[in-house]
Amino acid sequence: MERFVDPCCEKCTHTKITPCKDFVECCLEGPICHKDQSCKEKRMELVNKVRLHENFVVY
């Protein structure tokens, strides 16, 4: 997962075309569609990259 619109794993139900209805919360706190600590950590790593302005692609 390199972008917020990328699914974190095969259990993730959102896609670029059909994002989560709670997309922002899912990106910042999630995933919301399933509970998985490793996926949550992946999301937090991406959030931290954005906060640190490292190389990232938003879309």
N, C-alpha and C. Protein backbone atom coordinates (compact mmCIF):
# COMPACT_ATOMS: atom_id res chain seq x y z
N MET A 1 0.85 -1.17 0.00
CA MET A 1 0.00 0.00 0.00
C MET A 1 0.90 1.23 0.00
N GLU A 2 0.77 2.01 -1.07
CA GLU A 2 1.57 3.22 -1.19
C GLU A 2 0.72 4.48 -1.19
N ARG A 3 -0.58 4.32 -1.41
CA ARG A 3 -1.49 5.45 -1.47
C ARG A 3 -2.70 5.16 -0.58
N PHE A 4 -3.37 6.20 -0.16
CA PHE A 4 -4.55 6.01 0.69
C PHE A 4 -5.65 5.25 -0.03
N VAL A 5 -5.74 5.36 -1.33
CA VAL A 5 -6.79 4.66 -2.07
C VAL A 5 -6.46 3.20 -2.31
N ASP A 6 -5.24 2.78 -2.01
CA ASP A 6 -4.87 1.38 -2.17
C ASP A 6 -5.44 0.55 -1.04
N PRO A 7 -6.00 -0.62 -1.35
CA PRO A 7 -6.44 -1.50 -0.27
C PRO A 7 -5.24 -1.97 0.54
N CYS A 8 -5.43 -2.16 1.83
CA CYS A 8 -4.33 -2.58 2.69
C CYS A 8 -4.08 -4.09 2.60
N CYS A 9 -5.11 -4.84 2.22
CA CYS A 9 -4.99 -6.30 2.09
C CYS A 9 -6.19 -6.83 1.33
N GLU A 10 -6.29 -8.14 1.17
CA GLU A 10 -7.42 -8.71 0.42
C GLU A 10 -8.74 -8.62 1.18
N LYS A 11 -8.69 -8.36 2.48
CA LYS A 11 -9.93 -8.20 3.27
C LYS A 11 -10.51 -6.79 3.12
N CYS A 12 -9.72 -5.87 2.65
CA CYS A 12 -10.13 -4.47 2.51
C CYS A 12 -11.18 -4.37 1.41
N THR A 13 -12.25 -3.63 1.67
CA THR A 13 -13.36 -3.56 0.72
C THR A 13 -13.39 -2.30 -0.12
N HIS A 14 -12.53 -1.32 0.16
CA HIS A 14 -12.58 -0.11 -0.67
C HIS A 14 -11.58 -0.17 -1.80
N THR A 15 -11.90 0.56 -2.85
CA THR A 15 -11.02 0.68 -4.01
C THR A 15 -11.01 2.15 -4.43
N LYS A 16 -10.18 2.46 -5.40
CA LYS A 16 -10.14 3.82 -5.92
C LYS A 16 -11.50 4.22 -6.50
N ILE A 17 -12.15 3.29 -7.14
CA ILE A 17 -13.45 3.56 -7.77
C ILE A 17 -14.58 3.58 -6.75
N THR A 18 -14.49 2.72 -5.74
CA THR A 18 -15.53 2.64 -4.70
C THR A 18 -14.90 2.80 -3.33
N PRO A 19 -14.52 4.03 -2.97
CA PRO A 19 -13.88 4.24 -1.68
C PRO A 19 -14.84 4.00 -0.51
N CYS A 20 -14.28 3.79 0.63
CA CYS A 20 -15.03 3.62 1.87
C CYS A 20 -15.92 4.84 2.09
N LYS A 21 -17.13 4.64 2.61
CA LYS A 21 -18.01 5.79 2.87
C LYS A 21 -17.42 6.69 3.96
N ASP A 22 -16.56 6.13 4.78
CA ASP A 22 -15.86 6.88 5.83
C ASP A 22 -14.38 6.99 5.48
N PHE A 23 -14.10 7.39 4.24
CA PHE A 23 -12.75 7.34 3.69
C PHE A 23 -11.70 8.04 4.56
N VAL A 24 -11.98 9.26 4.99
CA VAL A 24 -10.99 10.01 5.78
C VAL A 24 -10.72 9.29 7.09
N GLU A 25 -11.77 8.90 7.79
CA GLU A 25 -11.60 8.18 9.06
C GLU A 25 -10.86 6.86 8.82
N CYS A 26 -11.20 6.18 7.74
CA CYS A 26 -10.55 4.92 7.41
C CYS A 26 -9.04 5.13 7.19
N CYS A 27 -8.69 6.21 6.51
CA CYS A 27 -7.28 6.49 6.24
C CYS A 27 -6.53 6.85 7.52
N LEU A 28 -7.17 7.62 8.37
CA LEU A 28 -6.48 8.11 9.57
C LEU A 28 -6.55 7.17 10.76
N GLU A 29 -7.60 6.37 10.85
CA GLU A 29 -7.80 5.51 12.02
C GLU A 29 -7.89 4.04 11.68
N GLY A 30 -8.09 3.76 10.42
CA GLY A 30 -8.55 2.46 9.96
C GLY A 30 -7.52 1.36 9.93
N PRO A 31 -7.91 0.34 9.24
CA PRO A 31 -9.09 0.25 8.39
C PRO A 31 -10.38 0.09 9.19
N ILE A 32 -11.47 0.49 8.57
CA ILE A 32 -12.77 0.39 9.20
C ILE A 32 -13.50 -0.86 8.75
N CYS A 33 -13.27 -1.30 7.52
CA CYS A 33 -14.01 -2.43 6.96
C CYS A 33 -13.63 -3.76 7.61
N HIS A 34 -12.51 -3.82 8.30
CA HIS A 34 -12.10 -5.03 9.01
C HIS A 34 -11.11 -4.64 10.11
N LYS A 35 -10.93 -5.51 11.06
CA LYS A 35 -10.00 -5.25 12.16
C LYS A 35 -8.74 -6.08 11.95
N ASP A 36 -7.63 -5.39 11.79
CA ASP A 36 -6.35 -6.07 11.61
C ASP A 36 -5.25 -5.11 12.05
N GLN A 37 -4.53 -5.47 13.07
CA GLN A 37 -3.50 -4.58 13.62
C GLN A 37 -2.41 -4.28 12.61
N SER A 38 -2.03 -5.26 11.81
CA SER A 38 -0.96 -5.00 10.84
C SER A 38 -1.43 -4.02 9.77
N CYS A 39 -2.70 -4.08 9.36
CA CYS A 39 -3.24 -3.12 8.40
C CYS A 39 -3.30 -1.73 9.02
N LYS A 40 -3.69 -1.66 10.27
CA LYS A 40 -3.73 -0.38 10.97
C LYS A 40 -2.32 0.23 11.00
N GLU A 41 -1.33 -0.59 11.26
CA GLU A 41 0.05 -0.10 11.30
C GLU A 41 0.49 0.40 9.92
N LYS A 42 0.08 -0.29 8.86
CA LYS A 42 0.40 0.16 7.50
C LYS A 42 -0.20 1.54 7.25
N ARG A 43 -1.46 1.72 7.66
CA ARG A 43 -2.12 3.02 7.49
C ARG A 43 -1.38 4.10 8.27
N MET A 44 -0.98 3.79 9.48
CA MET A 44 -0.29 4.78 10.32
C MET A 44 1.07 5.15 9.72
N GLU A 45 1.75 4.18 9.12
CA GLU A 45 3.02 4.47 8.46
C GLU A 45 2.80 5.46 7.31
N LEU A 46 1.73 5.25 6.55
CA LEU A 46 1.43 6.15 5.44
C LEU A 46 1.07 7.53 5.95
N VAL A 47 0.28 7.61 7.00
CA VAL A 47 -0.07 8.91 7.59
C VAL A 47 1.20 9.62 8.04
N ASN A 48 2.11 8.91 8.66
CA ASN A 48 3.36 9.53 9.11
C ASN A 48 4.22 10.01 7.96
N LYS A 49 4.23 9.27 6.85
CA LYS A 49 4.97 9.72 5.66
C LYS A 49 4.41 11.05 5.17
N VAL A 50 3.09 11.13 5.13
CA VAL A 50 2.46 12.38 4.66
C VAL A 50 2.80 13.51 5.61
N ARG A 51 2.72 13.24 6.89
CA ARG A 51 3.04 14.28 7.88
C ARG A 51 4.48 14.75 7.76
N LEU A 52 5.36 13.85 7.41
CA LEU A 52 6.78 14.19 7.29
C LEU A 52 7.14 14.67 5.88
N HIS A 53 6.14 14.72 5.00
CA HIS A 53 6.32 15.17 3.63
C HIS A 53 7.35 14.33 2.88
N GLU A 54 7.39 13.05 3.17
CA GLU A 54 8.26 12.17 2.40
C GLU A 54 7.62 11.95 1.04
N ASN A 55 8.31 11.24 0.18
CA ASN A 55 7.77 10.95 -1.15
C ASN A 55 6.51 10.13 -1.01
N PHE A 56 5.42 10.67 -1.46
CA PHE A 56 4.14 9.97 -1.42
C PHE A 56 3.27 10.44 -2.56
N VAL A 57 2.32 9.61 -2.92
CA VAL A 57 1.35 9.94 -3.96
C VAL A 57 -0.01 9.90 -3.31
N VAL A 58 -0.76 10.99 -3.42
CA VAL A 58 -2.07 11.06 -2.78
C VAL A 58 -3.11 10.30 -3.58
N TYR A 59 -3.03 10.29 -4.89
CA TYR A 59 -4.04 9.62 -5.71
C TYR A 59 -3.42 8.69 -6.71
